[in-house]
Amino acid sequence: MSGSRLAQPEPGLEPETLIARAAALRPLLRQQQAENDERGYYSDEIHQAFLKAGLYRILQPRMFGGYELDFPVFIKVIHELAQGHPSTAWCYTLASSHVFLLSSHWPEQTQIDMFGETGDIRICQRASPAGTIVRADGG
């Protein structure tokens, strides 16, 4: 697939539209706050709404079906989601921002393998514990 492109789901999608779509999700996010907090992550219904709205593809390269927009747009979307539920906005950020790391640090073939045939990808990265904890006198 080198040099080829996956089609964007909505060619020409404007940043303002993505921001407005995120803002329109506030009622759903507020409605599900308690159950999402209890679960520790947002529902499949919210996930599907993010997919349908194109929110996961904001930072994704055009080559892989993304919109390749800038970080201010991404931050505005996060802000709108956080107005509905800060925890959901945080989880969304983790799931969709690491695509930028993949796209900027890995060779093209790795990207091709990871984005696959559809470009539908979410990546959450966690920091692994490092070092050794040693009990000290006095705490």
N, C-alpha and C. Protein backbone atom coordinates (compact mmCIF):
# COMPACT_ATOMS: atom_id res chain seq x y z
N MET A 1 0.81 -1.19 0.00
CA MET A 1 0.00 0.00 0.00
C MET A 1 0.86 1.25 0.00
N SER A 2 2.14 1.15 -0.03
CA SER A 2 3.02 2.30 0.04
C SER A 2 2.62 3.36 -0.98
N GLY A 3 2.39 4.57 -0.46
CA GLY A 3 2.02 5.68 -1.32
C GLY A 3 0.53 5.77 -1.59
N SER A 4 -0.22 4.69 -1.36
CA SER A 4 -1.65 4.75 -1.61
C SER A 4 -2.36 5.32 -0.39
N ARG A 5 -3.63 5.57 -0.57
CA ARG A 5 -4.40 6.18 0.51
C ARG A 5 -5.69 5.41 0.76
N LEU A 6 -6.07 5.40 2.02
CA LEU A 6 -7.41 4.93 2.37
C LEU A 6 -8.33 6.13 2.25
N ALA A 7 -9.54 5.89 1.86
CA ALA A 7 -10.48 7.00 1.70
C ALA A 7 -10.93 7.51 3.07
N GLN A 8 -11.08 8.81 3.16
CA GLN A 8 -11.66 9.41 4.36
C GLN A 8 -13.15 9.07 4.37
N PRO A 9 -13.69 8.78 5.54
CA PRO A 9 -15.13 8.51 5.60
C PRO A 9 -15.99 9.69 5.12
N GLU A 10 -15.54 10.91 5.43
CA GLU A 10 -16.27 12.11 5.01
C GLU A 10 -15.28 13.12 4.44
N PRO A 11 -14.94 13.00 3.17
CA PRO A 11 -14.00 13.95 2.57
C PRO A 11 -14.51 15.38 2.73
N GLY A 12 -13.61 16.28 3.07
CA GLY A 12 -13.97 17.69 3.21
C GLY A 12 -14.60 18.05 4.54
N LEU A 13 -14.60 17.13 5.47
CA LEU A 13 -15.17 17.41 6.79
C LEU A 13 -14.42 18.59 7.43
N GLU A 14 -15.16 19.58 7.86
CA GLU A 14 -14.57 20.81 8.41
C GLU A 14 -14.34 20.68 9.92
N PRO A 15 -13.27 21.30 10.42
CA PRO A 15 -13.00 21.27 11.86
C PRO A 15 -14.19 21.74 12.70
N GLU A 16 -14.86 22.78 12.25
CA GLU A 16 -16.00 23.31 13.00
C GLU A 16 -17.11 22.27 13.15
N THR A 17 -17.27 21.44 12.15
CA THR A 17 -18.28 20.39 12.20
C THR A 17 -17.92 19.36 13.26
N LEU A 18 -16.65 18.97 13.32
CA LEU A 18 -16.21 18.02 14.34
C LEU A 18 -16.40 18.59 15.75
N ILE A 19 -16.07 19.85 15.92
CA ILE A 19 -16.23 20.50 17.22
C ILE A 19 -17.70 20.55 17.61
N ALA A 20 -18.55 20.90 16.66
CA ALA A 20 -20.00 20.95 16.92
C ALA A 20 -20.55 19.55 17.23
N ARG A 21 -20.06 18.54 16.56
CA ARG A 21 -20.51 17.18 16.84
C ARG A 21 -20.12 16.76 18.26
N ALA A 22 -18.92 17.13 18.67
CA ALA A 22 -18.48 16.82 20.04
C ALA A 22 -19.39 17.53 21.05
N ALA A 23 -19.69 18.80 20.80
CA ALA A 23 -20.57 19.55 21.71
C ALA A 23 -21.96 18.93 21.76
N ALA A 24 -22.44 18.42 20.64
CA ALA A 24 -23.78 17.82 20.58
C ALA A 24 -23.87 16.52 21.39
N LEU A 25 -22.73 15.94 21.73
CA LEU A 25 -22.72 14.70 22.52
C LEU A 25 -22.85 14.94 24.02
N ARG A 26 -22.81 16.20 24.45
CA ARG A 26 -22.87 16.50 25.89
C ARG A 26 -24.04 15.83 26.61
N PRO A 27 -25.28 15.91 26.09
CA PRO A 27 -26.38 15.27 26.82
C PRO A 27 -26.16 13.77 27.05
N LEU A 28 -25.68 13.06 26.04
CA LEU A 28 -25.41 11.63 26.18
C LEU A 28 -24.30 11.40 27.21
N LEU A 29 -23.25 12.20 27.14
CA LEU A 29 -22.13 12.04 28.08
C LEU A 29 -22.60 12.30 29.51
N ARG A 30 -23.40 13.32 29.71
CA ARG A 30 -23.90 13.64 31.05
C ARG A 30 -24.83 12.54 31.55
N GLN A 31 -25.66 12.04 30.67
CA GLN A 31 -26.61 10.98 31.03
C GLN A 31 -25.88 9.73 31.53
N GLN A 32 -24.72 9.43 30.94
CA GLN A 32 -24.01 8.19 31.27
C GLN A 32 -22.84 8.38 32.24
N GLN A 33 -22.70 9.56 32.81
CA GLN A 33 -21.56 9.83 33.70
C GLN A 33 -21.40 8.78 34.78
N ALA A 34 -22.43 8.53 35.55
CA ALA A 34 -22.32 7.63 36.70
C ALA A 34 -21.93 6.22 36.28
N GLU A 35 -22.60 5.68 35.27
CA GLU A 35 -22.28 4.31 34.86
C GLU A 35 -20.89 4.22 34.22
N ASN A 36 -20.47 5.26 33.50
CA ASN A 36 -19.13 5.24 32.93
C ASN A 36 -18.07 5.34 34.03
N ASP A 37 -18.34 6.15 35.06
CA ASP A 37 -17.41 6.23 36.19
C ASP A 37 -17.32 4.88 36.91
N GLU A 38 -18.46 4.24 37.10
CA GLU A 38 -18.50 2.93 37.76
C GLU A 38 -17.71 1.90 36.96
N ARG A 39 -17.89 1.92 35.63
CA ARG A 39 -17.24 0.96 34.74
C ARG A 39 -15.75 1.26 34.56
N GLY A 40 -15.40 2.55 34.56
CA GLY A 40 -14.01 2.94 34.36
C GLY A 40 -13.67 3.29 32.92
N TYR A 41 -14.65 3.24 32.06
CA TYR A 41 -14.48 3.61 30.65
C TYR A 41 -15.86 3.89 30.07
N TYR A 42 -15.87 4.58 28.92
CA TYR A 42 -17.15 4.93 28.34
C TYR A 42 -17.81 3.75 27.63
N SER A 43 -19.11 3.89 27.45
CA SER A 43 -19.93 2.81 26.90
C SER A 43 -19.69 2.59 25.41
N ASP A 44 -20.17 1.45 24.94
CA ASP A 44 -20.10 1.18 23.50
C ASP A 44 -20.95 2.18 22.73
N GLU A 45 -22.04 2.62 23.32
CA GLU A 45 -22.89 3.62 22.67
C GLU A 45 -22.09 4.92 22.42
N ILE A 46 -21.33 5.34 23.39
CA ILE A 46 -20.50 6.53 23.21
C ILE A 46 -19.39 6.27 22.21
N HIS A 47 -18.78 5.10 22.30
CA HIS A 47 -17.75 4.73 21.32
C HIS A 47 -18.30 4.81 19.90
N GLN A 48 -19.49 4.26 19.70
CA GLN A 48 -20.11 4.29 18.36
C GLN A 48 -20.41 5.72 17.93
N ALA A 49 -20.82 6.56 18.88
CA ALA A 49 -21.08 7.97 18.56
C ALA A 49 -19.80 8.68 18.14
N PHE A 50 -18.69 8.37 18.82
CA PHE A 50 -17.40 8.96 18.44
C PHE A 50 -16.99 8.49 17.04
N LEU A 51 -17.18 7.22 16.77
CA LEU A 51 -16.87 6.69 15.43
C LEU A 51 -17.70 7.40 14.36
N LYS A 52 -19.01 7.45 14.59
CA LYS A 52 -19.91 8.06 13.61
C LYS A 52 -19.58 9.54 13.39
N ALA A 53 -19.18 10.22 14.45
CA ALA A 53 -18.86 11.65 14.35
C ALA A 53 -17.50 11.91 13.71
N GLY A 54 -16.68 10.87 13.54
CA GLY A 54 -15.36 11.04 12.94
C GLY A 54 -14.31 11.53 13.93
N LEU A 55 -14.60 11.49 15.22
CA LEU A 55 -13.71 12.09 16.21
C LEU A 55 -12.38 11.35 16.37
N TYR A 56 -12.38 10.04 16.13
CA TYR A 56 -11.13 9.29 16.29
C TYR A 56 -10.11 9.60 15.19
N ARG A 57 -10.54 10.20 14.11
CA ARG A 57 -9.66 10.41 12.96
C ARG A 57 -9.08 11.82 12.85
N ILE A 58 -9.25 12.63 13.86
CA ILE A 58 -8.82 14.02 13.79
C ILE A 58 -7.32 14.14 13.54
N LEU A 59 -6.49 13.42 14.28
CA LEU A 59 -5.03 13.51 14.12
C LEU A 59 -4.48 12.47 13.15
N GLN A 60 -5.29 11.56 12.72
CA GLN A 60 -4.85 10.47 11.85
C GLN A 60 -4.43 10.99 10.49
N PRO A 61 -3.31 10.48 9.94
CA PRO A 61 -2.87 10.92 8.61
C PRO A 61 -3.90 10.65 7.51
N ARG A 62 -3.97 11.54 6.56
CA ARG A 62 -4.87 11.36 5.41
C ARG A 62 -4.58 10.06 4.68
N MET A 63 -3.32 9.70 4.62
CA MET A 63 -2.91 8.48 3.92
C MET A 63 -3.66 7.25 4.45
N PHE A 64 -4.05 7.32 5.72
CA PHE A 64 -4.72 6.19 6.35
C PHE A 64 -6.18 6.49 6.68
N GLY A 65 -6.80 7.38 5.92
CA GLY A 65 -8.22 7.66 6.08
C GLY A 65 -8.56 8.65 7.17
N GLY A 66 -7.55 9.37 7.65
CA GLY A 66 -7.79 10.36 8.69
C GLY A 66 -7.97 11.75 8.12
N TYR A 67 -8.22 12.70 9.02
CA TYR A 67 -8.44 14.08 8.60
C TYR A 67 -7.19 14.94 8.76
N GLU A 68 -6.18 14.42 9.47
CA GLU A 68 -4.89 15.08 9.61
C GLU A 68 -5.04 16.57 9.97
N LEU A 69 -5.85 16.82 10.99
CA LEU A 69 -6.08 18.19 11.43
C LEU A 69 -5.05 18.57 12.50
N ASP A 70 -5.04 19.82 12.87
CA ASP A 70 -4.02 20.27 13.83
C ASP A 70 -4.48 20.07 15.28
N PHE A 71 -3.53 20.21 16.19
CA PHE A 71 -3.82 19.98 17.60
C PHE A 71 -4.86 20.95 18.18
N PRO A 72 -4.90 22.21 17.80
CA PRO A 72 -5.95 23.07 18.34
C PRO A 72 -7.37 22.53 18.10
N VAL A 73 -7.61 21.93 16.95
CA VAL A 73 -8.92 21.33 16.68
C VAL A 73 -9.16 20.17 17.65
N PHE A 74 -8.17 19.33 17.80
CA PHE A 74 -8.25 18.19 18.71
C PHE A 74 -8.54 18.65 20.14
N ILE A 75 -7.84 19.68 20.59
CA ILE A 75 -8.03 20.21 21.95
C ILE A 75 -9.44 20.78 22.11
N LYS A 76 -9.95 21.45 21.09
CA LYS A 76 -11.32 21.99 21.16
C LYS A 76 -12.34 20.87 21.27
N VAL A 77 -12.13 19.79 20.55
CA VAL A 77 -13.02 18.64 20.65
C VAL A 77 -12.96 18.05 22.07
N ILE A 78 -11.77 17.90 22.60
CA ILE A 78 -11.62 17.39 23.97
C ILE A 78 -12.35 18.31 24.95
N HIS A 79 -12.20 19.60 24.78
CA HIS A 79 -12.87 20.57 25.65
C HIS A 79 -14.39 20.38 25.61
N GLU A 80 -14.93 20.22 24.42
CA GLU A 80 -16.38 20.03 24.29
C GLU A 80 -16.84 18.74 24.95
N LEU A 81 -16.08 17.67 24.76
CA LEU A 81 -16.43 16.40 25.40
C LEU A 81 -16.35 16.51 26.92
N ALA A 82 -15.35 17.22 27.40
CA ALA A 82 -15.16 17.37 28.85
C ALA A 82 -16.31 18.15 29.49
N GLN A 83 -16.98 18.98 28.72
CA GLN A 83 -18.15 19.68 29.24
C GLN A 83 -19.28 18.69 29.56
N GLY A 84 -19.26 17.57 28.86
CA GLY A 84 -20.25 16.53 29.11
C GLY A 84 -19.81 15.56 30.19
N HIS A 85 -18.52 15.16 30.14
CA HIS A 85 -17.99 14.23 31.14
C HIS A 85 -16.46 14.23 31.03
N PRO A 86 -15.79 14.82 32.00
CA PRO A 86 -14.32 14.92 31.94
C PRO A 86 -13.62 13.57 31.79
N SER A 87 -14.10 12.54 32.48
CA SER A 87 -13.46 11.23 32.40
C SER A 87 -13.56 10.64 31.00
N THR A 88 -14.71 10.79 30.37
CA THR A 88 -14.88 10.31 29.01
C THR A 88 -13.95 11.07 28.06
N ALA A 89 -13.83 12.36 28.27
CA ALA A 89 -12.91 13.16 27.44
C ALA A 89 -11.48 12.67 27.61
N TRP A 90 -11.11 12.33 28.84
CA TRP A 90 -9.76 11.82 29.11
C TRP A 90 -9.55 10.48 28.39
N CYS A 91 -10.50 9.57 28.50
CA CYS A 91 -10.38 8.28 27.83
C CYS A 91 -10.33 8.44 26.31
N TYR A 92 -11.17 9.33 25.78
CA TYR A 92 -11.14 9.62 24.34
C TYR A 92 -9.76 10.13 23.93
N THR A 93 -9.21 11.03 24.73
CA THR A 93 -7.89 11.60 24.43
C THR A 93 -6.83 10.51 24.35
N LEU A 94 -6.83 9.61 25.33
CA LEU A 94 -5.86 8.52 25.32
C LEU A 94 -6.03 7.63 24.09
N ALA A 95 -7.27 7.31 23.77
CA ALA A 95 -7.54 6.39 22.66
C ALA A 95 -7.21 6.99 21.30
N SER A 96 -7.32 8.30 21.17
CA SER A 96 -7.17 8.89 19.84
C SER A 96 -5.89 9.71 19.65
N SER A 97 -5.21 10.08 20.70
CA SER A 97 -4.01 10.91 20.53
C SER A 97 -2.77 10.09 20.20
N HIS A 98 -2.74 8.83 20.61
CA HIS A 98 -1.54 8.04 20.37
C HIS A 98 -1.35 7.66 18.90
N VAL A 99 -2.39 7.85 18.10
CA VAL A 99 -2.24 7.64 16.66
C VAL A 99 -1.17 8.60 16.10
N PHE A 100 -1.07 9.77 16.71
CA PHE A 100 -0.04 10.73 16.30
C PHE A 100 1.36 10.17 16.57
N LEU A 101 1.54 9.53 17.72
CA LEU A 101 2.84 8.93 18.03
C LEU A 101 3.18 7.83 17.05
N LEU A 102 2.21 6.97 16.77
CA LEU A 102 2.42 5.91 15.79
C LEU A 102 2.84 6.50 14.45
N SER A 103 2.15 7.54 14.04
CA SER A 103 2.39 8.13 12.72
C SER A 103 3.70 8.89 12.63
N SER A 104 4.20 9.35 13.74
CA SER A 104 5.41 10.16 13.69
C SER A 104 6.68 9.42 14.10
N HIS A 105 6.54 8.24 14.68
CA HIS A 105 7.74 7.56 15.19
C HIS A 105 8.01 6.19 14.56
N TRP A 106 7.07 5.66 13.82
CA TRP A 106 7.24 4.32 13.29
C TRP A 106 7.38 4.37 11.77
N PRO A 107 8.12 3.41 11.20
CA PRO A 107 8.29 3.38 9.74
C PRO A 107 6.95 3.16 9.02
N GLU A 108 6.92 3.53 7.78
CA GLU A 108 5.69 3.46 7.00
C GLU A 108 5.09 2.06 6.99
N GLN A 109 5.91 1.02 6.86
CA GLN A 109 5.35 -0.33 6.81
C GLN A 109 4.65 -0.70 8.12
N THR A 110 5.19 -0.27 9.23
CA THR A 110 4.55 -0.52 10.52
C THR A 110 3.20 0.20 10.57
N GLN A 111 3.17 1.41 10.08
CA GLN A 111 1.91 2.17 10.05
C GLN A 111 0.89 1.46 9.16
N ILE A 112 1.33 1.00 8.01
CA ILE A 112 0.44 0.28 7.09
C ILE A 112 -0.14 -0.94 7.79
N ASP A 113 0.71 -1.68 8.48
CA ASP A 113 0.25 -2.87 9.19
C ASP A 113 -0.76 -2.52 10.29
N MET A 114 -0.50 -1.45 11.01
CA MET A 114 -1.37 -1.10 12.14
C MET A 114 -2.67 -0.46 11.71
N PHE A 115 -2.65 0.41 10.70
CA PHE A 115 -3.89 1.04 10.25
C PHE A 115 -4.76 0.07 9.47
N GLY A 116 -4.15 -0.94 8.89
CA GLY A 116 -4.90 -1.99 8.22
C GLY A 116 -5.65 -1.52 6.99
N GLU A 117 -6.70 -2.24 6.68
CA GLU A 117 -7.48 -1.99 5.47
C GLU A 117 -8.50 -0.86 5.63
N THR A 118 -8.83 -0.53 6.87
CA THR A 118 -9.90 0.45 7.09
C THR A 118 -9.42 1.75 7.74
N GLY A 119 -8.26 1.71 8.39
CA GLY A 119 -7.79 2.89 9.11
C GLY A 119 -8.49 3.07 10.44
N ASP A 120 -9.32 2.14 10.83
CA ASP A 120 -10.05 2.25 12.09
C ASP A 120 -9.14 1.75 13.21
N ILE A 121 -8.63 2.70 13.99
CA ILE A 121 -7.65 2.34 15.01
C ILE A 121 -7.77 3.27 16.21
N ARG A 122 -7.60 2.69 17.37
CA ARG A 122 -7.44 3.42 18.61
C ARG A 122 -6.27 2.80 19.34
N ILE A 123 -5.45 3.62 19.93
CA ILE A 123 -4.27 3.13 20.62
C ILE A 123 -4.20 3.78 21.99
N CYS A 124 -4.13 2.98 23.00
CA CYS A 124 -3.93 3.52 24.33
C CYS A 124 -2.59 3.01 24.82
N GLN A 125 -1.79 3.89 25.30
CA GLN A 125 -0.45 3.54 25.77
C GLN A 125 -0.39 3.85 27.25
N ARG A 126 0.27 3.01 27.97
CA ARG A 126 0.44 3.29 29.39
C ARG A 126 1.93 3.27 29.72
N ALA A 127 2.28 4.00 30.71
CA ALA A 127 3.65 4.01 31.17
C ALA A 127 3.84 2.81 32.09
N SER A 128 4.80 1.98 31.78
CA SER A 128 5.09 0.82 32.63
C SER A 128 5.87 1.27 33.85
N PRO A 129 5.63 0.63 34.97
CA PRO A 129 6.39 0.99 36.16
C PRO A 129 7.88 0.78 35.93
N ALA A 130 8.65 1.68 36.49
CA ALA A 130 10.10 1.58 36.37
C ALA A 130 10.72 1.84 37.74
N GLY A 131 11.86 1.27 37.96
CA GLY A 131 12.55 1.52 39.23
C GLY A 131 12.14 0.51 40.28
N THR A 132 12.65 0.74 41.47
CA THR A 132 12.41 -0.14 42.60
C THR A 132 11.96 0.68 43.80
N ILE A 133 10.93 0.24 44.45
CA ILE A 133 10.46 0.90 45.66
C ILE A 133 11.16 0.26 46.85
N VAL A 134 11.75 1.09 47.68
CA VAL A 134 12.45 0.60 48.87
C VAL A 134 11.89 1.30 50.08
N ARG A 135 11.47 0.51 51.08
CA ARG A 135 10.95 1.10 52.32
C ARG A 135 12.08 1.81 53.04
N ALA A 136 11.76 3.01 53.50
CA ALA A 136 12.75 3.81 54.22
C ALA A 136 12.27 4.04 55.65
N ASP A 137 13.19 4.11 56.58
CA ASP A 137 12.82 4.42 57.96
C ASP A 137 12.13 5.77 58.02
N GLY A 138 11.04 5.85 58.72
CA GLY A 138 10.32 7.10 58.85
C GLY A 138 9.35 7.35 57.69
N GLY A 139 9.26 6.41 56.74
CA GLY A 139 8.28 6.53 55.65
C GLY A 139 8.82 7.25 54.50
